[in-house]
């Protein structure tokens, strides 16, 4: 593996993950962070975290904490970075402006960079002219560079003053560890902006300086950054820096080849919302209340497609509409009830393989098996069915303590609900009686109604029609008769309830489902719950019989 390091001594391999604080961690970013972590661990090096927050317009308050929470949930603890410290501190780029300014002064003084004063409209006109002439746009470098005084005069006149790098006259060869050698000619490169008119560095500028100062040896990032690398190499050349080892990772796509975008979630929820509005089941005022929004214009803008709803508001709407938005960010998977160890295992296989048929790994095993040589060049496909299978298998195989801790974490990151205050013993019991759990959300969906007040039970209209009223109210007659059989029980346990119900069904010449479903709706208001025997046991004799009586009274009023 060829490396060209100059001016800085390196004691070990050092990788970095450098997300921007624009929200929760995207699954693509998580894969990059994981591969950086695995490479550092595999080679006995250090894994750094840096927050690239110089784009003030895109930064979201507290998003850096969300990113760090996501990484820690996945088990990817950094060796140096925010809240950890290290010799490269500070690790937020917005706190490193003095460092960038010093380098800018040096580049300007050496004639390797220059001021530019073009407005947005002037730049647009240049690009349009290049398009009409069917040539690549390259910024027209001035014959002589503006002075400091001219820059100050332009700024005073209200013009945007930026600093551009004087690109060298030669091209670059990127020796990519995944894609091989990639050549970019000088004609494809122009004098790009280093410092924006607001005084903040561009991504290209800050990342190069920080990688050098933080002694980063290996840079892994998505293939969409490949064309940025020659710019970074040009800047490294101008500053006299070494060039780290680059590896550009394959892009992660949906199974249909589309991009995994945060907008997918909004589109799914919006479609369900508009259908609910058309059906008279929801209006704008109720949507604002459910989403926790105070600005009606924001909701209107979302409906027009002009903006995206904040994640929490979107997920509250999704839950109310009973729609499952596709998980795109790591927090989405956590809220849905995936195990972090499963997600790490699955994400590791998006573009990498161990070279054999093995697919199940712990994080520790991945640290041993990982190598850059086993990363492919082709785009990866995010197979949600496969991930769901991984998660189902892992939950079933987990020991009771792990299942309880996972369910506890799921409940803590979701809105408080009926299961939130339950003790570990009851959570363990719920995990035991909810067979075939795919995601931890299934436990809440099936069990929550067992822990609410009787008057909170709302009967699903479709379920009532299908299982109570169909065939001349057969379900209600069955419910009345099974209530009589259950009322005769002296001992109220699943072990006594099950034979009583089975004997009743056999005597009435009914399949078990013909008895269980009317009873289940009486207990929970819907057609899903843990086994009917376990549900009755958990509710207890008094509450179970009381809910059945309440259901019968409700049913008598139906036409």
Protein backbone atom coordinates (compact mmCIF):
# COMPACT_ATOMS: atom_id res chain seq x y z
CA UNK A 1 0.00 0.00 0.00
CA UNK A 2 1.74 3.15 -1.22
CA UNK A 3 1.79 6.18 1.02
CA UNK A 4 3.42 9.56 0.58
CA UNK A 5 3.65 11.24 3.97
CA UNK A 6 5.81 14.32 4.49
CA UNK A 7 6.44 16.82 7.27
CA UNK A 8 4.42 14.96 9.91
CA UNK A 9 5.40 11.85 11.85
CA UNK A 10 2.75 9.21 12.37
CA UNK A 11 2.88 6.79 15.25
CA UNK A 12 0.05 4.58 13.92
CA UNK A 13 -2.73 4.26 11.37
CA UNK A 14 -5.34 6.96 11.97
CA UNK A 15 -8.78 7.09 10.36
CA UNK A 16 -11.49 9.68 10.80
CA UNK A 17 -15.23 9.98 10.42
CA UNK A 18 -16.30 13.56 9.75
CA UNK A 19 -20.07 14.05 9.46
CA UNK A 20 -21.89 17.37 9.13
CA UNK A 21 -24.47 18.16 11.86
CA UNK A 22 -27.55 18.22 9.63
CA UNK A 23 -29.63 15.64 11.50
CA UNK A 24 -29.43 12.04 12.59
CA UNK A 25 -26.81 9.76 11.07
CA UNK A 26 -27.73 8.50 7.58
CA UNK A 27 -27.18 4.80 6.97
CA UNK A 28 -24.60 5.66 4.29
CA UNK A 29 -22.66 7.78 6.76
CA UNK A 30 -22.90 5.00 9.33
CA UNK A 31 -21.32 2.58 6.83
CA UNK A 32 -18.46 5.04 6.28
CA UNK A 33 -17.99 5.48 10.02
CA UNK A 34 -18.07 1.72 10.55
CA UNK A 35 -15.47 1.01 7.88
CA UNK A 36 -13.18 3.73 9.28
CA UNK A 37 -13.61 2.21 12.75
CA UNK A 38 -12.95 -1.34 11.52
CA UNK A 39 -9.85 -0.35 9.57
CA UNK A 40 -8.37 1.42 12.59
CA UNK A 41 -9.10 -1.52 14.87
CA UNK A 42 -7.84 -4.06 12.32
CA UNK A 43 -4.51 -2.25 11.98
CA UNK A 44 -4.11 -1.32 15.64
CA UNK A 45 -4.65 2.38 14.98
CA UNK A 46 -6.86 5.26 16.14
CA UNK A 47 -10.39 6.20 15.10
CA UNK A 48 -11.18 9.94 15.16
CA UNK A 49 -14.48 11.79 15.08
CA UNK A 50 -14.64 15.33 13.68
CA UNK A 51 -17.76 17.48 13.30
CA UNK A 52 -17.68 19.44 10.04
CA UNK A 53 -19.99 22.32 10.92
CA UNK A 54 -18.75 25.20 8.78
CA UNK A 55 -21.87 25.31 6.59
CA UNK A 56 -23.92 27.56 8.85
CA UNK A 57 -27.02 27.40 6.64
CA UNK A 58 -27.33 23.60 6.91
CA UNK A 59 -26.34 23.04 10.54
CA UNK A 60 -29.10 21.89 12.89
CA UNK A 61 -28.92 22.65 16.60
CA UNK A 62 -27.95 19.63 18.72
CA UNK A 63 -27.45 17.50 15.61
CA UNK A 64 -23.84 16.81 16.63
CA UNK A 65 -25.13 15.19 19.83
CA UNK A 66 -27.58 13.12 17.81
CA UNK A 67 -24.75 11.92 15.58
CA UNK A 68 -22.66 10.96 18.59
CA UNK A 69 -25.61 9.17 20.21
CA UNK A 70 -26.12 7.17 17.00
CA UNK A 71 -22.45 6.17 16.84
CA UNK A 72 -22.37 5.12 20.48
CA UNK A 73 -25.59 3.11 20.05
CA UNK A 74 -23.87 1.23 17.22
CA UNK A 75 -20.86 0.62 19.46
CA UNK A 76 -18.50 2.85 17.44
CA UNK A 77 -16.68 4.76 20.18
CA UNK A 78 -14.02 7.15 18.89
CA UNK A 79 -10.53 7.41 20.35
CA UNK A 80 -10.22 11.14 19.73
CA UNK A 81 -12.91 13.71 19.12
CA UNK A 82 -15.70 15.68 20.82
CA UNK A 83 -16.35 14.73 24.46
CA UNK A 84 -13.20 12.58 24.34
CA UNK A 85 -10.45 15.06 23.51
CA UNK A 86 -7.10 14.42 21.94
CA UNK A 87 -4.04 16.18 20.49
CA UNK A 88 -5.97 17.47 17.47
CA UNK A 89 -8.57 19.39 19.49
CA UNK A 90 -10.84 21.19 18.96
CA UNK A 91 -12.82 18.67 16.89
CA UNK A 92 -15.62 20.99 15.76
CA UNK A 93 -14.48 22.85 12.65
CA UNK A 94 -16.39 25.98 13.69
CA UNK A 95 -13.95 26.22 16.62
CA UNK A 96 -10.89 26.07 14.33
CA UNK A 97 -11.43 29.26 12.32
CA UNK A 98 -8.19 30.88 13.51
CA UNK A 99 -6.24 27.91 12.13
CA UNK A 100 -7.87 28.26 8.71
CA UNK A 101 -7.34 32.04 8.67
CA UNK A 102 -3.61 31.61 9.31
CA UNK A 103 -3.30 29.20 6.39
CA UNK A 104 -5.31 31.54 4.16
CA UNK A 105 -2.99 34.42 4.91
CA UNK A 106 -0.03 32.24 4.05
CA UNK A 107 -1.50 31.07 0.72
CA UNK A 108 -2.43 34.64 -0.25
CA UNK A 109 1.01 35.96 0.64
CA UNK A 110 2.70 33.20 -1.38
CA UNK A 111 0.50 33.84 -4.43
CA UNK A 112 -1.05 30.37 -4.24
CA UNK A 113 -4.52 31.78 -3.64
CA UNK A 114 -6.32 34.99 -4.52
CA UNK A 115 -9.40 37.09 -3.77
CA UNK A 116 -12.43 37.01 -6.07
CA UNK A 117 -15.47 39.31 -5.96
CA UNK A 118 -17.99 37.77 -8.41
CA UNK A 119 -21.67 37.89 -7.56
CA UNK A 120 -23.97 34.88 -7.94
CA UNK A 121 -25.56 36.37 -11.07
CA UNK A 122 -22.15 36.99 -12.62
CA UNK A 123 -21.07 33.42 -11.95
CA UNK A 124 -24.34 32.10 -13.37
CA UNK A 125 -23.77 34.11 -16.54
CA UNK A 126 -20.29 32.60 -16.91
CA UNK A 127 -21.67 29.06 -16.51
CA UNK A 128 -24.45 29.67 -18.99
CA UNK A 129 -21.95 31.02 -21.52
CA UNK A 130 -19.84 27.87 -21.11
CA UNK A 131 -22.94 25.74 -21.59
CA UNK A 132 -23.89 27.57 -24.79
CA UNK A 133 -20.35 27.12 -26.10
CA UNK A 134 -20.45 23.42 -25.10
CA UNK A 135 -17.35 23.59 -22.94
CA UNK A 136 -16.65 22.79 -19.29
CA UNK A 137 -16.89 25.82 -17.06
CA UNK A 138 -13.57 26.86 -15.54
CA UNK A 139 -13.34 29.97 -13.43
CA UNK A 140 -11.39 32.63 -15.40
CA UNK A 141 -8.30 33.35 -13.35
CA UNK A 142 -7.39 37.07 -13.40
CA UNK A 143 -4.09 38.11 -14.97
CA UNK A 144 -3.09 39.80 -11.71
CA UNK A 145 -4.45 38.97 -8.30
CA UNK A 146 -6.44 41.59 -6.32
CA UNK A 147 -4.66 43.19 -3.37
CA UNK A 148 -5.82 43.21 0.23
CA UNK A 149 -6.92 46.83 -0.22
CA UNK A 150 -8.99 45.93 -3.27
CA UNK A 151 -10.60 43.08 -1.35
CA UNK A 152 -11.53 45.43 1.49
CA UNK A 153 -12.94 47.96 -0.98
CA UNK A 154 -15.05 45.26 -2.64
CA UNK A 155 -16.33 44.10 0.72
CA UNK A 156 -17.21 47.66 1.71
CA UNK A 157 -19.11 48.03 -1.57
CA UNK A 158 -21.23 45.02 -0.63
CA UNK A 159 -19.70 42.54 -3.04
CA UNK A 160 -19.09 38.94 -1.91
CA UNK A 161 -15.39 38.43 -1.28
CA UNK A 162 -14.09 34.86 -1.45
CA UNK A 163 -10.64 33.29 -1.65
CA UNK A 164 -9.83 30.85 -4.48
CA UNK A 165 -6.96 28.41 -4.85
CA UNK A 166 -4.61 28.87 -7.81
CA UNK A 167 -4.74 25.38 -9.26
CA UNK A 168 -1.55 23.89 -10.71
CA UNK A 169 -1.28 23.35 -14.47
CA UNK A 170 -1.06 19.55 -14.16
CA UNK A 171 -3.60 16.82 -13.52
CA UNK A 172 -3.65 14.26 -10.71
CA UNK A 173 -3.65 10.51 -10.34
CA UNK A 174 -5.72 9.30 -7.41
CA UNK A 175 -4.30 5.99 -6.18
CA UNK A 176 -7.55 4.72 -4.76
CA UNK A 177 -7.37 1.59 -2.64
CA UNK A 178 -10.77 0.41 -3.89
CA UNK A 179 -11.18 1.79 -7.41
CA UNK A 180 -7.55 1.63 -8.51
CA UNK A 181 -5.78 4.52 -10.23
CA UNK A 182 -8.07 7.33 -11.40
CA UNK A 183 -6.61 10.10 -13.58
CA UNK A 184 -8.13 13.59 -13.66
CA UNK A 185 -6.68 16.01 -16.19
CA UNK A 186 -5.87 19.64 -15.50
CA UNK A 187 -8.60 20.72 -17.92
CA UNK A 188 -11.22 19.22 -15.62
CA UNK A 189 -10.14 21.35 -12.64
CA UNK A 190 -10.60 25.04 -11.93
CA UNK A 191 -9.71 27.52 -9.19
CA UNK A 192 -12.16 26.50 -6.49
CA UNK A 193 -13.25 28.50 -3.46
CA UNK A 194 -11.33 28.03 -0.21
CA UNK A 195 -13.01 30.68 1.93
CA UNK A 196 -16.64 31.74 1.47
CA UNK A 197 -17.88 35.30 1.66
CA UNK A 198 -19.07 34.71 5.26
CA UNK A 199 -15.46 34.00 6.27
CA UNK A 200 -16.02 30.28 6.82
CA UNK A 201 -13.86 27.74 4.99
CA UNK A 202 -15.37 25.46 2.37
CA UNK A 203 -15.53 21.73 2.97
CA UNK A 204 -12.53 21.19 0.66
CA UNK A 205 -10.33 23.64 2.51
CA UNK A 206 -11.09 22.68 6.09
CA UNK A 207 -10.93 18.94 5.51
CA UNK A 208 -7.43 19.08 4.04
CA UNK A 209 -6.03 21.23 6.85
CA UNK A 210 -7.69 19.15 9.55
CA UNK A 211 -6.63 15.80 8.12
CA UNK A 212 -3.03 17.01 8.22
CA UNK A 213 -3.19 18.54 11.70
CA UNK A 214 -5.05 15.51 13.10
CA UNK A 215 -2.49 13.18 11.47
CA UNK A 216 -5.07 11.21 9.51
CA UNK A 217 -3.41 8.51 7.43
CA UNK A 218 -6.41 6.87 5.73
CA UNK A 219 -9.50 8.60 4.32
CA UNK A 220 -12.51 6.40 3.51
CA UNK A 221 -15.56 8.12 2.04
CA UNK A 222 -18.31 7.59 -0.54
CA UNK A 223 -17.63 7.42 -4.26
CA UNK A 224 -19.54 10.68 -4.70
CA UNK A 225 -16.44 12.36 -3.22
CA UNK A 226 -14.03 10.92 -5.80
CA UNK A 227 -13.97 14.06 -7.94
CA UNK A 228 -13.22 16.13 -4.85
CA UNK A 229 -9.98 14.27 -4.26
CA UNK A 230 -7.89 16.02 -7.00
CA UNK A 231 -8.86 19.35 -5.45
CA UNK A 232 -7.70 18.13 -2.09
CA UNK A 233 -4.46 16.84 -3.57
CA UNK A 234 -3.86 20.22 -5.21
CA UNK A 235 -4.35 21.96 -1.88
CA UNK A 236 -2.05 19.46 -0.16
CA UNK A 237 0.56 20.28 -2.79
CA UNK A 238 0.18 24.02 -2.20
CA UNK A 239 0.49 23.63 1.57
CA UNK A 240 3.32 21.10 1.46
CA UNK A 241 1.21 18.38 3.07
CA UNK A 242 1.41 14.61 2.64
CA UNK A 243 -1.39 12.82 0.79
CA UNK A 244 -3.27 10.25 2.87
CA UNK A 245 -4.39 6.88 1.56
CA UNK A 246 -7.78 7.26 -0.14
CA UNK A 247 -10.54 4.71 -0.53
CA UNK A 248 -13.89 5.61 -2.08
CA UNK A 249 -16.73 3.34 -1.01
CA UNK A 250 -19.54 2.06 -3.24
CA UNK A 251 -22.84 3.91 -3.02
CA UNK A 252 -25.75 2.32 -1.12
CA UNK A 253 -28.98 2.13 -3.12
CA UNK A 254 -32.46 0.77 -2.55
CA UNK A 255 -33.24 -2.60 -4.12
CA UNK A 256 -34.87 -0.84 -7.08
CA UNK A 257 -31.71 1.17 -7.74
CA UNK A 258 -33.03 4.46 -6.35
CA UNK A 259 -31.07 6.53 -3.84
CA UNK A 260 -31.68 6.06 -0.12
CA UNK A 261 -32.88 9.56 0.66
CA UNK A 262 -34.35 11.13 3.79
CA UNK A 263 -37.10 12.46 1.53
CA UNK A 264 -38.44 8.92 1.13
CA UNK A 265 -39.87 9.06 4.64
CA UNK A 266 -41.63 12.33 3.97
CA UNK A 267 -43.17 11.08 0.73
CA UNK A 268 -44.62 7.97 2.38
CA UNK A 269 -46.10 9.87 5.32
CA UNK A 270 -47.40 12.68 3.10
CA UNK A 271 -49.23 10.19 0.87
CA UNK A 272 -50.88 8.61 3.93
CA UNK A 273 -51.76 12.04 5.32
CA UNK A 274 -53.39 13.21 2.08
CA UNK A 275 -55.38 9.96 1.91
CA UNK A 276 -56.55 10.52 5.51
CA UNK A 277 -57.58 14.09 4.67
CA UNK A 278 -59.54 12.93 1.64
CA UNK A 279 -61.22 10.26 3.76
CA UNK A 280 -62.16 12.75 6.47
CA UNK A 281 -60.04 10.96 9.08
CA UNK A 282 -57.63 13.89 9.66
CA UNK A 283 -57.42 17.60 9.01
CA UNK A 284 -54.69 20.23 9.26
CA UNK A 285 -55.55 21.27 12.83
CA UNK A 286 -55.39 17.69 14.14
CA UNK A 287 -52.19 17.08 12.17
CA UNK A 288 -50.55 20.13 13.77
CA UNK A 289 -51.54 18.92 17.22
CA UNK A 290 -50.32 15.35 16.61
CA UNK A 291 -47.03 16.48 15.04
CA UNK A 292 -46.42 19.01 17.82
CA UNK A 293 -46.20 21.93 15.39
CA UNK A 294 -47.33 25.49 16.03
CA UNK A 295 -46.71 26.84 12.51
CA UNK A 296 -49.52 26.04 10.08
CA UNK A 297 -47.46 27.44 7.22
CA UNK A 298 -44.79 24.78 7.82
CA UNK A 299 -47.39 22.05 7.39
CA UNK A 300 -48.70 23.76 4.26
CA UNK A 301 -45.17 24.05 2.86
CA UNK A 302 -44.62 20.34 3.54
CA UNK A 303 -47.80 19.51 1.63
CA UNK A 304 -46.59 21.63 -1.29
CA UNK A 305 -43.24 19.86 -1.26
CA UNK A 306 -41.31 23.02 -0.33
CA UNK A 307 -39.84 21.69 2.92
CA UNK A 308 -39.33 18.57 5.01
CA UNK A 309 -40.82 18.03 8.44
CA UNK A 310 -38.45 17.59 11.37
CA UNK A 311 -37.93 13.89 12.15
CA UNK A 312 -39.86 13.82 15.42
CA UNK A 313 -42.90 15.57 13.94
CA UNK A 314 -42.85 13.28 10.92
CA UNK A 315 -42.67 10.11 13.00
CA UNK A 316 -45.51 11.28 15.30
CA UNK A 317 -47.68 11.78 12.23
CA UNK A 318 -46.64 8.39 10.84
CA UNK A 319 -47.65 6.64 14.05
CA UNK A 320 -51.01 8.39 14.16
CA UNK A 321 -51.64 7.43 10.52
CA UNK A 322 -50.54 3.85 11.26
CA UNK A 323 -47.98 3.99 8.45
CA UNK A 324 -44.42 2.69 8.61
CA UNK A 325 -42.07 5.16 6.95
CA UNK A 326 -38.91 3.57 5.51
CA UNK A 327 -35.94 3.70 7.87
CA UNK A 328 -33.17 5.83 6.37
CA UNK A 329 -31.27 7.20 9.36
CA UNK A 330 -29.76 5.12 12.15
CA UNK A 331 -32.19 6.64 14.64
CA UNK A 332 -35.08 5.36 12.50
CA UNK A 333 -33.86 1.80 12.94
CA UNK A 334 -33.45 2.34 16.66
CA UNK A 335 -36.98 3.73 16.97
CA UNK A 336 -38.35 0.79 14.97
CA UNK A 337 -36.70 -1.71 17.28
CA UNK A 338 -33.71 -3.13 15.45
CA UNK A 339 -30.78 -4.39 17.49
CA UNK A 340 -27.64 -2.28 16.99
CA UNK A 341 -25.43 -5.36 16.69
CA UNK A 342 -27.64 -6.61 13.85
CA UNK A 343 -27.52 -3.27 12.07
CA UNK A 344 -23.72 -3.13 12.35
CA UNK A 345 -23.45 -6.67 10.96
CA UNK A 346 -25.78 -5.87 8.08
CA UNK A 347 -24.20 -2.52 7.18
CA UNK A 348 -20.74 -4.12 7.12
CA UNK A 349 -21.94 -6.36 4.28
CA UNK A 350 -22.96 -3.38 2.12
CA UNK A 351 -19.99 -3.41 -0.22
CA UNK A 352 -17.69 -5.68 1.81
CA UNK A 353 -17.46 -9.42 2.23
CA UNK A 354 -15.17 -11.73 4.16
CA UNK A 355 -14.39 -13.69 1.02
CA UNK A 356 -16.50 -16.72 1.91
CA UNK A 357 -20.17 -17.45 2.53
CA UNK A 358 -20.15 -16.19 6.11
CA UNK A 359 -22.63 -13.38 6.86
CA UNK A 360 -23.04 -13.28 10.64
CA UNK A 361 -20.42 -11.31 12.60
CA UNK A 362 -20.06 -9.61 15.93
CA UNK A 363 -18.37 -6.20 15.95
CA UNK A 364 -15.25 -7.80 17.42
CA UNK A 365 -15.19 -10.41 14.65
CA UNK A 366 -15.57 -7.70 12.03
CA UNK A 367 -12.57 -5.88 13.47
CA UNK A 368 -10.49 -9.02 12.86
CA UNK A 369 -11.87 -9.90 9.43
CA UNK A 370 -12.10 -6.46 7.80
CA UNK A 371 -9.76 -5.36 5.00
CA UNK A 372 -9.85 -2.77 2.23
CA UNK A 373 -9.07 -5.45 -0.34
CA UNK A 374 -12.47 -7.08 0.20
CA UNK A 375 -14.47 -3.90 -0.55
CA UNK A 376 -16.13 -4.07 -3.96
CA UNK A 377 -16.41 -1.40 -6.63
CA UNK A 378 -20.09 -1.86 -7.52
CA UNK A 379 -22.96 -0.13 -5.74
CA UNK A 380 -24.48 -1.95 -2.78
CA UNK A 381 -28.22 -2.72 -2.47
CA UNK A 382 -30.02 -2.28 0.84
CA UNK A 383 -32.11 -5.44 1.19
CA UNK A 384 -34.66 -4.65 3.89
CA UNK A 385 -36.10 -8.16 3.85
CA UNK A 386 -32.66 -9.57 4.60
CA UNK A 387 -32.11 -7.09 7.43
CA UNK A 388 -35.49 -8.00 8.91
CA UNK A 389 -34.55 -11.68 8.75
CA UNK A 390 -31.24 -10.93 10.50
CA UNK A 391 -33.08 -9.06 13.24
CA UNK A 392 -35.78 -11.70 13.73
CA UNK A 393 -33.15 -14.42 14.07
CA UNK A 394 -31.01 -12.38 16.46
CA UNK A 395 -33.92 -11.50 18.77
CA UNK A 396 -34.97 -15.15 18.92
CA UNK A 397 -31.41 -16.24 19.75
CA UNK A 398 -30.70 -13.54 22.33
CA UNK A 399 -30.70 -14.32 26.02
CA UNK A 400 -33.33 -12.85 28.32
CA UNK A 401 -31.10 -10.02 29.70
CA UNK A 402 -30.19 -8.82 26.20
CA UNK A 403 -33.80 -8.95 25.03
CA UNK A 404 -34.94 -6.94 28.03
CA UNK A 405 -32.20 -4.31 27.66
CA UNK A 406 -32.99 -3.98 23.95
CA UNK A 407 -36.71 -3.55 24.63
CA UNK A 408 -35.93 -1.02 27.36
CA UNK A 409 -33.80 1.01 24.94
CA UNK A 410 -36.56 0.87 22.32
CA UNK A 411 -39.11 2.19 24.80
CA UNK A 412 -36.81 4.98 25.99
CA UNK A 413 -36.23 6.43 22.51
CA UNK A 414 -39.92 6.37 21.60
CA UNK A 415 -42.81 8.44 22.90
CA UNK A 416 -43.84 7.25 26.40
CA UNK A 417 -46.49 4.55 26.20
CA UNK A 418 -48.19 1.87 28.28
CA UNK A 419 -45.06 -0.31 28.40
CA UNK A 420 -42.65 2.46 29.39
CA UNK A 421 -43.08 2.10 33.16
CA UNK A 422 -43.05 -1.70 33.31
CA UNK A 423 -40.35 -3.46 35.28
CA UNK A 424 -37.77 -5.79 33.81
CA UNK A 425 -39.64 -8.91 34.92
CA UNK A 426 -42.74 -7.91 32.96
CA UNK A 427 -40.69 -6.88 29.92
CA UNK A 428 -39.02 -10.28 30.01
CA UNK A 429 -42.45 -11.91 30.15
CA UNK A 430 -43.63 -9.88 27.13
CA UNK A 431 -40.58 -10.93 25.14
CA UNK A 432 -41.33 -14.53 26.08
CA UNK A 433 -45.00 -14.57 25.05
CA UNK A 434 -44.61 -12.53 21.85
CA UNK A 435 -43.33 -15.20 19.50
CA UNK A 436 -41.75 -14.40 16.15
CA UNK A 437 -40.84 -10.80 17.01
CA UNK A 438 -39.24 -9.20 13.96
CA UNK A 439 -38.57 -5.77 15.44
CA UNK A 440 -39.16 -4.62 19.02
CA UNK A 441 -41.98 -2.40 17.83
CA UNK A 442 -43.97 -5.64 17.35
CA UNK A 443 -43.95 -6.21 21.12
CA UNK A 444 -45.47 -2.80 21.79
CA UNK A 445 -47.97 -3.09 18.94
CA UNK A 446 -49.23 -6.45 20.17
CA UNK A 447 -49.07 -5.85 23.92
CA UNK A 448 -49.77 -2.18 24.68
CA UNK A 449 -53.56 -2.60 24.91
CA UNK A 450 -53.11 -5.01 27.82
CA UNK A 451 -51.73 -2.18 29.96
CA UNK A 452 -54.22 0.65 29.35
CA UNK A 453 -57.41 1.51 31.20
CA UNK A 454 -60.49 -0.38 30.04
CA UNK A 455 -62.15 2.81 28.83
CA UNK A 456 -59.18 3.51 26.54
CA UNK A 457 -59.91 0.42 24.44
CA UNK A 458 -61.30 1.43 21.06
CA UNK A 459 -62.77 -1.30 18.89
CA UNK A 460 -61.45 -1.45 15.35
CA UNK A 461 -64.46 -1.09 13.03
CA UNK A 462 -63.20 -3.54 10.41
CA UNK A 463 -62.34 -6.13 13.06
CA UNK A 464 -65.76 -5.80 14.66
CA UNK A 465 -67.49 -6.24 11.31
CA UNK A 466 -65.41 -9.28 10.38
CA UNK A 467 -65.24 -11.14 13.69
CA UNK A 468 -68.34 -10.02 15.66
CA UNK A 469 -71.09 -9.11 13.23
CA UNK A 470 -70.46 -11.37 10.24
CA UNK A 471 -72.79 -14.37 9.75
CA UNK A 472 -75.64 -12.89 11.74
CA UNK A 473 -73.47 -11.77 14.74
CA UNK A 474 -71.94 -15.20 15.22
CA UNK A 475 -68.79 -13.77 16.82
CA UNK A 476 -70.76 -12.01 19.55
CA UNK A 477 -72.64 -15.20 20.36
CA UNK A 478 -69.33 -17.06 20.62
CA UNK A 479 -67.93 -14.29 22.83
CA UNK A 480 -70.91 -14.53 25.17
CA UNK A 481 -70.58 -18.31 25.43
CA UNK A 482 -66.81 -18.35 25.97
CA UNK A 483 -67.27 -15.73 28.68
CA UNK A 484 -69.46 -18.23 30.49
CA UNK A 485 -66.82 -20.94 30.18
CA UNK A 486 -64.06 -18.64 31.45
CA UNK A 487 -66.23 -17.49 34.34
CA UNK A 488 -66.24 -21.03 35.71
CA UNK A 489 -62.45 -21.11 36.16
CA UNK A 490 -61.19 -20.96 39.73
CA UNK A 491 -57.50 -20.77 38.83
CA UNK A 492 -56.57 -18.07 36.32
CA UNK A 493 -53.33 -19.06 34.57
CA UNK A 494 -52.44 -19.73 30.97
CA UNK A 495 -52.14 -23.41 31.91
CA UNK A 496 -55.81 -23.53 32.98
CA UNK A 497 -57.16 -21.02 30.45
CA UNK A 498 -55.82 -22.83 27.39
CA UNK A 499 -57.56 -26.20 27.94
CA UNK A 500 -60.80 -24.41 28.89
CA UNK A 501 -60.87 -22.46 25.64
CA UNK A 502 -59.81 -25.44 23.55
CA UNK A 503 -62.49 -27.63 25.13
CA UNK A 504 -65.09 -24.94 24.51
CA UNK A 505 -64.05 -24.63 20.85
CA UNK A 506 -64.12 -28.39 20.38
CA UNK A 507 -67.56 -28.68 21.99
CA UNK A 508 -68.92 -25.88 19.82
CA UNK A 509 -67.33 -27.45 16.73
CA UNK A 510 -65.35 -24.26 16.06
CA UNK A 511 -61.77 -23.70 15.05
CA UNK A 512 -59.65 -22.04 17.72
CA UNK A 513 -59.46 -18.83 15.64
CA UNK A 514 -63.25 -18.50 15.66
CA UNK A 515 -63.05 -18.28 19.44
CA UNK A 516 -59.73 -16.45 19.88
CA UNK A 517 -60.37 -13.54 17.54
CA UNK A 518 -63.72 -12.36 18.99
CA UNK A 519 -62.15 -12.66 22.43
CA UNK A 520 -58.98 -10.85 21.39
CA UNK A 521 -60.99 -7.89 20.03
CA UNK A 522 -62.92 -7.72 23.30
CA UNK A 523 -59.65 -7.59 25.28
CA UNK A 524 -57.61 -5.24 23.06
CA UNK A 525 -59.92 -3.69 20.47
CA UNK A 526 -57.97 -5.23 17.58
CA UNK A 527 -56.97 -8.55 16.04
CA UNK A 528 -53.36 -8.72 17.21
CA UNK A 529 -52.00 -9.51 20.66
CA UNK A 530 -49.82 -12.12 22.30
CA UNK A 531 -51.42 -15.58 22.43
CA UNK A 532 -54.98 -15.32 23.70
CA UNK A 533 -54.14 -17.55 26.68
CA UNK A 534 -51.17 -15.39 27.75
CA UNK A 535 -53.20 -12.21 27.17
CA UNK A 536 -55.98 -13.39 29.47
CA UNK A 537 -53.47 -14.41 32.12
CA UNK A 538 -51.68 -11.02 32.01
CA UNK A 539 -54.92 -9.08 32.30
CA UNK A 540 -56.11 -11.20 35.19
CA UNK A 541 -59.55 -12.64 35.84
CA UNK A 542 -61.34 -9.46 36.87
CA UNK A 543 -60.06 -7.25 34.05
CA UNK A 544 -60.49 -9.96 31.41
CA UNK A 545 -64.09 -10.72 32.29
CA UNK A 546 -64.80 -7.02 32.71
CA UNK A 547 -63.49 -6.22 29.22
CA UNK A 548 -65.52 -9.05 27.71
CA UNK A 549 -68.65 -7.75 29.46
CA UNK A 550 -67.92 -4.24 28.20
CA UNK A 551 -67.49 -5.58 24.66
CA UNK A 552 -70.77 -7.44 24.83
CA UNK A 553 -72.59 -4.30 25.93
CA UNK A 554 -70.96 -2.40 23.06
CA UNK A 555 -71.91 -5.13 20.61
CA UNK A 556 -75.55 -5.13 21.68
CA UNK A 557 -75.86 -1.52 20.49
CA UNK A 558 -74.52 -2.28 17.01
CA UNK A 559 -76.91 -2.71 14.12
